[in-house]
Amino acid sequence: MVDAIALTPKNQKSWQDVFSQVGPETPCVGEGDAAANYVVFALPDFGPNHVITVGGQKQARRTLAPKILLLDWEGTVTREFAADKYDYRGGSYSVQFRPGADDRFILVETDSALVGEIETRFETQLLMRQGTVGLPNGGTASYTTYSGKEGAQSRTFSHEGVVTVRVQAIKGKIGLPAP
């Protein structure tokens, strides 16, 4: 797994987000209709002290169709996630899990069975803006405005897009044992 993207940050943190583009420039496995692009991530040491959320990022018209597998040091699959474990969490279609002691890598393939499906969901987007304004007496006042929109949004599952990974240490810092 020489080309695995490390999920352990250079500076100690309790959480971090990692993003990786998947598309024609990334490796591919399989042939024909079963072909799938993929990317590999190296899990931090002391895996059970972490919660990992990994999936395909929602974009304007598409969502990467993820198929997530956990691998051991030798590249043998230790865990695969059933369709009912995937859900929309924040800005991604993802799974969430705690790595087992034998899990060392996350393999994210594009799911050929899901590619091309269109999903329409009702979504709410909220925006908050803050600012300051000068007052006639020379002082300033701060203000906050809120706006938003709701509506149906359709996206097509795709072989191309962005993989998002959030790594959170349950206790302490990423890559370290629980204190």
Protein backbone atom coordinates (compact mmCIF):
# COMPACT_ATOMS: atom_id res chain seq x y z
CA MET A 1 0.00 0.00 0.00
CA VAL A 2 2.82 2.35 -0.96
CA ASP A 3 0.47 4.98 -2.44
CA ALA A 4 -1.87 5.15 0.56
CA ILE A 5 -2.76 8.64 1.79
CA ALA A 6 -1.86 8.99 5.48
CA LEU A 7 -4.69 9.97 7.83
CA THR A 8 -2.30 10.77 10.70
CA PRO A 9 -1.63 14.54 10.70
CA LYS A 10 1.91 15.95 10.85
CA ASN A 11 0.93 18.07 13.88
CA GLN A 12 -1.06 16.46 16.67
CA LYS A 13 -4.79 17.15 16.40
CA SER A 14 -7.94 15.68 17.86
CA TRP A 15 -9.66 15.66 14.44
CA GLN A 16 -8.92 16.40 10.79
CA ASP A 17 -10.55 16.27 7.36
CA VAL A 18 -8.80 14.80 4.30
CA PHE A 19 -10.03 15.15 0.71
CA SER A 20 -8.96 13.24 -2.40
CA GLN A 21 -10.10 13.68 -6.00
CA VAL A 22 -11.19 10.50 -7.80
CA GLY A 23 -11.53 10.34 -11.57
CA PRO A 24 -9.74 9.39 -14.79
CA GLU A 25 -6.37 10.28 -13.22
CA THR A 26 -6.74 7.79 -10.35
CA PRO A 27 -6.05 4.04 -10.51
CA CYS A 28 -8.79 1.73 -11.78
CA VAL A 29 -9.64 -1.91 -11.02
CA GLY A 30 -11.83 -4.25 -13.04
CA GLU A 31 -12.88 -4.05 -16.66
CA GLY A 32 -15.85 -2.86 -18.71
CA ASP A 33 -19.02 -2.15 -16.71
CA ALA A 34 -17.35 -3.47 -13.55
CA ALA A 35 -14.44 -0.99 -13.70
CA ALA A 36 -14.02 1.21 -10.64
CA ASN A 37 -11.69 4.07 -9.73
CA TYR A 38 -10.16 3.86 -6.28
CA VAL A 39 -8.07 5.58 -3.62
CA VAL A 40 -6.41 4.09 -0.50
CA PHE A 41 -5.98 5.73 2.91
CA ALA A 42 -3.68 4.54 5.72
CA LEU A 43 -5.47 4.45 9.07
CA PRO A 44 -3.75 6.01 12.09
CA ASP A 45 -2.12 3.80 14.73
CA PHE A 46 -4.35 2.78 17.64
CA GLY A 47 -7.35 2.53 15.28
CA PRO A 48 -9.97 1.67 17.93
CA ASN A 49 -9.37 5.11 19.54
CA HIS A 50 -10.83 6.81 16.46
CA VAL A 51 -14.14 7.40 14.71
CA ILE A 52 -13.84 7.58 10.93
CA THR A 53 -16.43 9.05 8.55
CA VAL A 54 -15.62 8.34 4.89
CA GLY A 55 -17.65 8.77 1.70
CA GLY A 56 -18.36 10.67 -1.49
CA GLN A 57 -18.77 14.44 -1.30
CA LYS A 58 -22.02 15.98 -2.54
CA GLN A 59 -21.28 18.36 -5.41
CA ALA A 60 -23.59 20.54 -7.51
CA ARG A 61 -24.87 17.78 -9.82
CA ARG A 62 -23.07 14.64 -8.72
CA THR A 63 -21.97 12.59 -5.74
CA LEU A 64 -19.09 10.15 -5.83
CA ALA A 65 -20.58 6.63 -5.55
CA PRO A 66 -18.46 5.11 -2.76
CA LYS A 67 -17.86 1.47 -1.92
CA ILE A 68 -15.79 1.33 1.26
CA LEU A 69 -13.64 -1.61 2.34
CA LEU A 70 -11.27 -1.98 5.27
CA LEU A 71 -8.02 -3.88 4.70
CA ASP A 72 -5.33 -5.41 6.91
CA TRP A 73 -1.54 -5.00 6.41
CA GLU A 74 -1.56 -7.61 3.62
CA GLY A 75 -4.44 -6.00 1.71
CA THR A 76 -7.01 -8.64 2.72
CA VAL A 77 -10.53 -7.29 3.21
CA THR A 78 -11.42 -7.24 6.92
CA ARG A 79 -14.74 -5.42 6.63
CA GLU A 80 -17.18 -4.28 3.94
CA PHE A 81 -20.20 -2.06 4.59
CA ALA A 82 -23.71 -3.06 3.51
CA ALA A 83 -25.87 -0.56 1.61
CA ASP A 84 -27.97 0.19 4.72
CA LYS A 85 -24.86 1.54 6.52
CA TYR A 86 -24.43 4.40 4.01
CA ASP A 87 -26.23 7.66 4.73
CA TYR A 88 -25.94 11.39 4.13
CA ARG A 89 -23.82 12.93 6.88
CA GLY A 90 -23.17 16.61 6.39
CA GLY A 91 -21.84 17.10 2.88
CA SER A 92 -21.15 13.47 2.01
CA TYR A 93 -22.77 10.10 1.31
CA SER A 94 -20.78 8.06 3.80
CA VAL A 95 -20.29 5.38 6.42
CA GLN A 96 -19.09 5.95 9.97
CA PHE A 97 -17.13 3.37 11.96
CA ARG A 98 -14.48 2.63 14.56
CA PRO A 99 -11.54 0.70 13.09
CA GLY A 100 -10.79 -2.72 14.54
CA ALA A 101 -7.35 -3.75 15.76
CA ASP A 102 -6.56 -5.49 12.42
CA ASP A 103 -7.80 -2.66 10.16
CA ARG A 104 -4.90 -0.73 8.58
CA PHE A 105 -6.23 0.75 5.33
CA ILE A 106 -9.43 2.18 3.88
CA LEU A 107 -10.04 1.31 0.23
CA VAL A 108 -12.61 3.58 -1.41
CA GLU A 109 -13.76 2.26 -4.79
CA THR A 110 -16.47 3.71 -6.94
CA ASP A 111 -19.55 1.51 -6.78
CA SER A 112 -20.45 0.55 -10.38
CA ALA A 113 -23.88 -0.68 -9.25
CA LEU A 114 -24.71 2.79 -7.86
CA VAL A 115 -23.19 4.87 -10.69
CA GLY A 116 -25.86 6.51 -12.85
CA GLU A 117 -28.59 6.42 -10.20
CA ILE A 118 -30.22 9.79 -9.55
CA GLU A 119 -31.14 10.69 -5.99
CA THR A 120 -33.46 13.59 -5.23
CA ARG A 121 -33.51 14.87 -1.66
CA PHE A 122 -35.07 17.82 0.12
CA GLU A 123 -32.24 19.97 1.47
CA THR A 124 -31.92 23.04 3.65
CA GLN A 125 -28.97 25.42 3.40
CA LEU A 126 -28.42 28.07 6.07
CA LEU A 127 -26.01 30.99 5.84
CA MET A 128 -24.88 33.28 8.64
CA ARG A 129 -23.09 36.57 8.04
CA GLN A 130 -21.59 38.86 10.64
CA GLY A 131 -20.39 42.40 10.28
CA THR A 132 -19.90 45.76 11.92
CA VAL A 133 -21.26 49.15 11.04
CA GLY A 134 -20.12 52.64 12.03
CA LEU A 135 -22.54 54.70 14.12
CA PRO A 136 -23.07 58.48 13.84
CA ASN A 137 -21.58 59.00 17.31
CA GLY A 138 -18.29 57.40 16.21
CA GLY A 139 -18.92 54.00 17.77
CA THR A 140 -19.54 50.70 16.04
CA ALA A 141 -22.21 48.05 16.28
CA SER A 142 -22.04 44.44 15.21
CA TYR A 143 -24.82 42.55 13.51
CA THR A 144 -25.64 39.02 12.37
CA THR A 145 -27.92 38.13 9.47
CA TYR A 146 -29.28 34.72 8.64
CA SER A 147 -30.59 33.52 5.30
CA GLY A 148 -31.26 30.21 3.71
CA LYS A 149 -33.05 28.20 1.12
CA GLU A 150 -34.88 24.91 0.94
CA GLY A 151 -35.73 22.75 -2.00
CA ALA A 152 -35.35 19.49 -3.83
CA GLN A 153 -31.85 18.77 -5.11
CA SER A 154 -31.03 16.01 -7.60
CA ARG A 155 -27.58 14.49 -7.94
CA THR A 156 -26.29 11.59 -10.01
CA PHE A 157 -23.95 9.03 -8.47
CA SER A 158 -20.68 9.09 -10.40
CA HIS A 159 -17.29 7.41 -10.88
CA GLU A 160 -15.77 10.89 -10.50
CA GLY A 161 -15.78 13.25 -7.54
CA VAL A 162 -14.21 13.82 -4.15
CA VAL A 163 -13.66 11.34 -1.31
CA THR A 164 -13.98 12.94 2.12
CA VAL A 165 -12.52 11.42 5.27
CA ARG A 166 -13.00 12.81 8.78
CA VAL A 167 -10.78 11.28 11.48
CA GLN A 168 -11.69 11.99 15.10
CA ALA A 169 -9.80 10.76 18.15
CA ILE A 170 -12.21 9.53 20.81
CA LYS A 171 -9.72 10.55 23.53
CA GLY A 172 -6.47 12.44 23.09
CA LYS A 173 -4.93 13.00 19.66
CA ILE A 174 -5.04 11.19 16.31
CA GLY A 175 -2.58 8.29 16.10
CA LEU A 176 -2.02 8.10 19.85
CA PRO A 177 -3.47 5.66 22.39
CA ALA A 178 -6.31 6.87 24.59
CA PRO A 179 -4.85 8.60 27.68
